[in-house]
C-alpha atoms as a PDB file:
ATOM      1  CA  UNK A   1       1.364  28.600  -3.761  1.00  0.00           C
ATOM      2  CA  UNK A   2       1.308  25.017  -5.011  1.00  0.00           C
ATOM      3  CA  UNK A   3       1.482  24.319  -8.726  1.00  0.00           C
ATOM      4  CA  UNK A   4      -1.715  22.898 -10.206  1.00  0.00           C
ATOM      5  CA  UNK A   5      -1.273  19.520 -11.848  1.00  0.00           C
ATOM      6  CA  UNK A   6      -3.357  19.171 -15.003  1.00  0.00           C
ATOM      7  CA  UNK A   7      -5.654  16.204 -15.483  1.00  0.00           C
ATOM      8  CA  UNK A   8      -3.523  14.807 -18.351  1.00  0.00           C
ATOM      9  CA  UNK A   9      -0.422  15.064 -16.126  1.00  0.00           C
ATOM     10  CA  UNK A  10      -2.245  13.218 -13.338  1.00  0.00           C
ATOM     11  CA  UNK A  11      -3.368  10.500 -15.755  1.00  0.00           C
ATOM     12  CA  UNK A  12       0.148  10.094 -17.221  1.00  0.00           C
ATOM     13  CA  UNK A  13       1.565   9.681 -13.723  1.00  0.00           C
ATOM     14  CA  UNK A  14      -1.194   7.227 -12.753  1.00  0.00           C
ATOM     15  CA  UNK A  15      -0.583   5.096 -15.854  1.00  0.00           C
ATOM     16  CA  UNK A  16       2.786   4.182 -14.324  1.00  0.00           C
ATOM     17  CA  UNK A  17       4.276   2.878 -17.556  1.00  0.00           C
ATOM     18  CA  UNK A  18       1.058   1.573 -19.087  1.00  0.00           C
ATOM     19  CA  UNK A  19       0.030   3.015 -22.438  1.00  0.00           C
ATOM     20  CA  UNK A  20      -2.842   5.276 -23.442  1.00  0.00           C
ATOM     21  CA  UNK A  21      -3.948   2.473 -25.765  1.00  0.00           C
ATOM     22  CA  UNK A  22      -4.242   0.146 -22.764  1.00  0.00           C
ATOM     23  CA  UNK A  23      -6.244   2.748 -20.829  1.00  0.00           C
ATOM     24  CA  UNK A  24      -8.539   3.458 -23.761  1.00  0.00           C
ATOM     25  CA  UNK A  25      -9.365  -0.243 -24.033  1.00  0.00           C
ATOM     26  CA  UNK A  26      -9.861  -0.606 -20.280  1.00  0.00           C
ATOM     27  CA  UNK A  27     -12.287   2.327 -19.984  1.00  0.00           C
ATOM     28  CA  UNK A  28     -13.907   1.692 -23.374  1.00  0.00           C
ATOM     29  CA  UNK A  29     -12.981   5.075 -24.863  1.00  0.00           C
ATOM     30  CA  UNK A  30     -11.793   5.308 -28.477  1.00  0.00           C
ATOM     31  CA  UNK A  31      -8.052   5.949 -28.645  1.00  0.00           C
ATOM     32  CA  UNK A  32      -8.464   9.114 -30.709  1.00  0.00           C
ATOM     33  CA  UNK A  33     -10.887  10.564 -28.149  1.00  0.00           C
ATOM     34  CA  UNK A  34      -8.546   9.801 -25.236  1.00  0.00           C
ATOM     35  CA  UNK A  35      -5.633  11.255 -27.197  1.00  0.00           C
ATOM     36  CA  UNK A  36      -7.504  14.529 -27.750  1.00  0.00           C
ATOM     37  CA  UNK A  37      -8.283  14.725 -24.036  1.00  0.00           C
ATOM     38  CA  UNK A  38      -4.686  13.928 -23.066  1.00  0.00           C
ATOM     39  CA  UNK A  39      -3.437  16.646 -25.437  1.00  0.00           C
ATOM     40  CA  UNK A  40      -5.852  19.265 -24.089  1.00  0.00           C
ATOM     41  CA  UNK A  41      -7.943  19.492 -27.254  1.00  0.00           C
ATOM     42  CA  UNK A  42     -11.049  18.220 -25.433  1.00  0.00           C
ATOM     43  CA  UNK A  43     -11.865  18.227 -21.724  1.00  0.00           C
ATOM     44  CA  UNK A  44     -12.295  15.179 -19.524  1.00  0.00           C
ATOM     45  CA  UNK A  45     -15.812  14.713 -18.151  1.00  0.00           C
ATOM     46  CA  UNK A  46     -16.502  13.613 -14.592  1.00  0.00           C
ATOM     47  CA  UNK A  47     -17.665  10.279 -16.013  1.00  0.00           C
ATOM     48  CA  UNK A  48     -14.276   9.903 -17.762  1.00  0.00           C
ATOM     49  CA  UNK A  49     -12.464  10.605 -14.499  1.00  0.00           C
ATOM     50  CA  UNK A  50     -14.672   8.169 -12.593  1.00  0.00           C
ATOM     51  CA  UNK A  51     -13.837   5.399 -15.081  1.00  0.00           C
ATOM     52  CA  UNK A  52     -10.113   6.208 -15.003  1.00  0.00           C
ATOM     53  CA  UNK A  53     -10.044   6.303 -11.211  1.00  0.00           C
ATOM     54  CA  UNK A  54     -11.980   3.050 -10.921  1.00  0.00           C
ATOM     55  CA  UNK A  55      -9.618   1.237 -13.298  1.00  0.00           C
ATOM     56  CA  UNK A  56      -6.345   2.693 -12.017  1.00  0.00           C
ATOM     57  CA  UNK A  57      -7.301   2.919  -8.343  1.00  0.00           C
ATOM     58  CA  UNK A  58      -6.389   6.602  -8.324  1.00  0.00           C
ATOM     59  CA  UNK A  59      -7.933   9.914  -7.363  1.00  0.00           C
ATOM     60  CA  UNK A  60      -7.438  11.985 -10.515  1.00  0.00           C
ATOM     61  CA  UNK A  61      -9.434  15.176 -10.051  1.00  0.00           C
ATOM     62  CA  UNK A  62      -9.990  18.614 -11.545  1.00  0.00           C
ATOM     63  CA  UNK A  63      -8.510  20.556  -8.626  1.00  0.00           C
ATOM     64  CA  UNK A  64      -5.181  18.947  -7.799  1.00  0.00           C
ATOM     65  CA  UNK A  65      -2.205  20.749  -6.307  1.00  0.00           C
ATOM     66  CA  UNK A  66       1.322  19.427  -6.056  1.00  0.00           C
END
């Protein structure tokens, strides 16, 4: 069975060296809000994922297997 990759793990990989601060500015999300989502305190919404995917050209999704 494949290991599930969490959304924060997918985002970290997709950032490819760019910072969370950069992403927060690009998707117009306050840094503290993005940080909470990246640390698992809050959940990403589909709208968040759509913005991230549009900016990074990725396919970050809820159900991802490695």
